[in-house]
């Protein structure tokens, strides 16, 4: 089910930093997107999640960015970057 590995980093003033697993776990366990497609996400380590084949990366990036901003994890100019490994 979790066939794809995704690096999740954020750009904070030009420095790419791995997102803490706490953030990833918070999104995976408490995400309120009301979209069951995101049930296929599994935080593995800082900056690393595994996802199912049907999860669209662009939409995942959009929803994670929104969630992280609402939680105060990302600042208004921080950019989240998802890269398939």
Foldseek 3Di string as FASTA:
>chain_A
DQPWKKFKWKQDPNDTDFAALVLVVCCQPPPDPPDCQSVQWARDGGRMITGDPPDDPVVVLVSSVVVCVVVVNDDPPMHMDMDID
